């Protein structure tokens, strides 16, 4: 359906008619899965950016490359 981009990461955007919500996942990650959701374009964009920031912070704390 669409794509989001933030800090060099790309995420998918899908829509669920059943739930009336958007959802997606960060693309291209080998070992980690990052998902996000929202009920509006603004919400899914914010949740995507928050998920990427959380992922980067977790990698930093563990001392592993993202």
C-alpha atoms as a PDB file:
ATOM      1  CA  UNK A   1       0.000   0.000   0.000  1.00  0.00           C
ATOM      2  CA  UNK A   2       2.616   2.536   1.046  1.00  0.00           C
ATOM      3  CA  UNK A   3       6.001   3.154   2.603  1.00  0.00           C
ATOM      4  CA  UNK A   4       7.340   5.179   5.512  1.00  0.00           C
ATOM      5  CA  UNK A   5      10.945   6.359   5.816  1.00  0.00           C
ATOM      6  CA  UNK A   6      12.831   7.476   8.914  1.00  0.00           C
ATOM      7  CA  UNK A   7      16.530   7.535   9.862  1.00  0.00           C
ATOM      8  CA  UNK A   8      17.422   5.328   6.904  1.00  0.00           C
ATOM      9  CA  UNK A   9      14.753   2.704   7.646  1.00  0.00           C
ATOM     10  CA  UNK A  10      11.786   1.891   5.430  1.00  0.00           C
ATOM     11  CA  UNK A  11       8.511   0.504   6.691  1.00  0.00           C
ATOM     12  CA  UNK A  12       5.464  -0.940   5.015  1.00  0.00           C
ATOM     13  CA  UNK A  13       1.937   0.396   5.475  1.00  0.00           C
ATOM     14  CA  UNK A  14      -1.093  -1.865   5.153  1.00  0.00           C
ATOM     15  CA  UNK A  15      -4.735  -1.295   6.023  1.00  0.00           C
ATOM     16  CA  UNK A  16      -7.063  -3.699   7.810  1.00  0.00           C
ATOM     17  CA  UNK A  17     -10.714  -3.142   6.923  1.00  0.00           C
ATOM     18  CA  UNK A  18     -11.673  -5.583   9.668  1.00  0.00           C
ATOM     19  CA  UNK A  19      -9.955  -3.503  12.382  1.00  0.00           C
ATOM     20  CA  UNK A  20     -10.192  -0.118  10.620  1.00  0.00           C
ATOM     21  CA  UNK A  21      -6.508   0.403  11.346  1.00  0.00           C
ATOM     22  CA  UNK A  22      -3.139   0.678   9.665  1.00  0.00           C
ATOM     23  CA  UNK A  23      -0.219  -1.631  10.432  1.00  0.00           C
ATOM     24  CA  UNK A  24       3.228  -2.362   9.089  1.00  0.00           C
ATOM     25  CA  UNK A  25       6.749  -3.601   9.686  1.00  0.00           C
ATOM     26  CA  UNK A  26      10.267  -2.303   9.147  1.00  0.00           C
ATOM     27  CA  UNK A  27      11.662  -3.827   5.975  1.00  0.00           C
ATOM     28  CA  UNK A  28      15.092  -5.363   5.453  1.00  0.00           C
ATOM     29  CA  UNK A  29      15.952  -6.418   9.009  1.00  0.00           C
ATOM     30  CA  UNK A  30      17.483  -9.860   9.244  1.00  0.00           C
ATOM     31  CA  UNK A  31      17.320 -10.781  12.899  1.00  0.00           C
ATOM     32  CA  UNK A  32      14.815  -8.377  14.443  1.00  0.00           C
ATOM     33  CA  UNK A  33      11.166  -7.760  13.657  1.00  0.00           C
ATOM     34  CA  UNK A  34       9.746  -4.296  14.253  1.00  0.00           C
ATOM     35  CA  UNK A  35       6.009  -3.739  13.868  1.00  0.00           C
ATOM     36  CA  UNK A  36       3.790  -0.716  14.439  1.00  0.00           C
ATOM     37  CA  UNK A  37       0.164   0.330  14.066  1.00  0.00           C
ATOM     38  CA  UNK A  38      -2.259   3.234  14.193  1.00  0.00           C
ATOM     39  CA  UNK A  39      -5.788   4.295  13.390  1.00  0.00           C
ATOM     40  CA  UNK A  40      -4.723   7.278  11.258  1.00  0.00           C
ATOM     41  CA  UNK A  41      -1.850   8.275   8.998  1.00  0.00           C
ATOM     42  CA  UNK A  42      -0.447  10.498  11.747  1.00  0.00           C
ATOM     43  CA  UNK A  43      -0.645   7.690  14.338  1.00  0.00           C
ATOM     44  CA  UNK A  44       1.069   5.056  12.209  1.00  0.00           C
ATOM     45  CA  UNK A  45       3.823   7.506  11.238  1.00  0.00           C
ATOM     46  CA  UNK A  46       4.450   8.354  14.900  1.00  0.00           C
ATOM     47  CA  UNK A  47       4.372   4.705  15.997  1.00  0.00           C
ATOM     48  CA  UNK A  48       6.813   3.802  13.179  1.00  0.00           C
ATOM     49  CA  UNK A  49       9.237   6.540  14.238  1.00  0.00           C
ATOM     50  CA  UNK A  50       8.916   5.567  17.911  1.00  0.00           C
ATOM     51  CA  UNK A  51       9.548   1.909  17.028  1.00  0.00           C
ATOM     52  CA  UNK A  52      12.702   2.777  15.054  1.00  0.00           C
ATOM     53  CA  UNK A  53      13.979   5.010  17.878  1.00  0.00           C
ATOM     54  CA  UNK A  54      13.304   2.245  20.421  1.00  0.00           C
ATOM     55  CA  UNK A  55      15.113  -0.295  18.238  1.00  0.00           C
ATOM     56  CA  UNK A  56      18.158   1.960  17.878  1.00  0.00           C
ATOM     57  CA  UNK A  57      18.226   2.675  21.619  1.00  0.00           C
ATOM     58  CA  UNK A  58      17.960  -1.036  22.446  1.00  0.00           C
ATOM     59  CA  UNK A  59      20.822  -1.845  20.067  1.00  0.00           C
ATOM     60  CA  UNK A  60      22.919   0.893  21.672  1.00  0.00           C
ATOM     61  CA  UNK A  61      22.194  -0.394  25.187  1.00  0.00           C
ATOM     62  CA  UNK A  62      23.093  -3.970  24.197  1.00  0.00           C
ATOM     63  CA  UNK A  63      26.231  -2.830  22.372  1.00  0.00           C
ATOM     64  CA  UNK A  64      25.220  -4.424  19.080  1.00  0.00           C
ATOM     65  CA  UNK A  65      25.049  -2.815  15.659  1.00  0.00           C
ATOM     66  CA  UNK A  66      21.525  -2.125  14.375  1.00  0.00           C
END
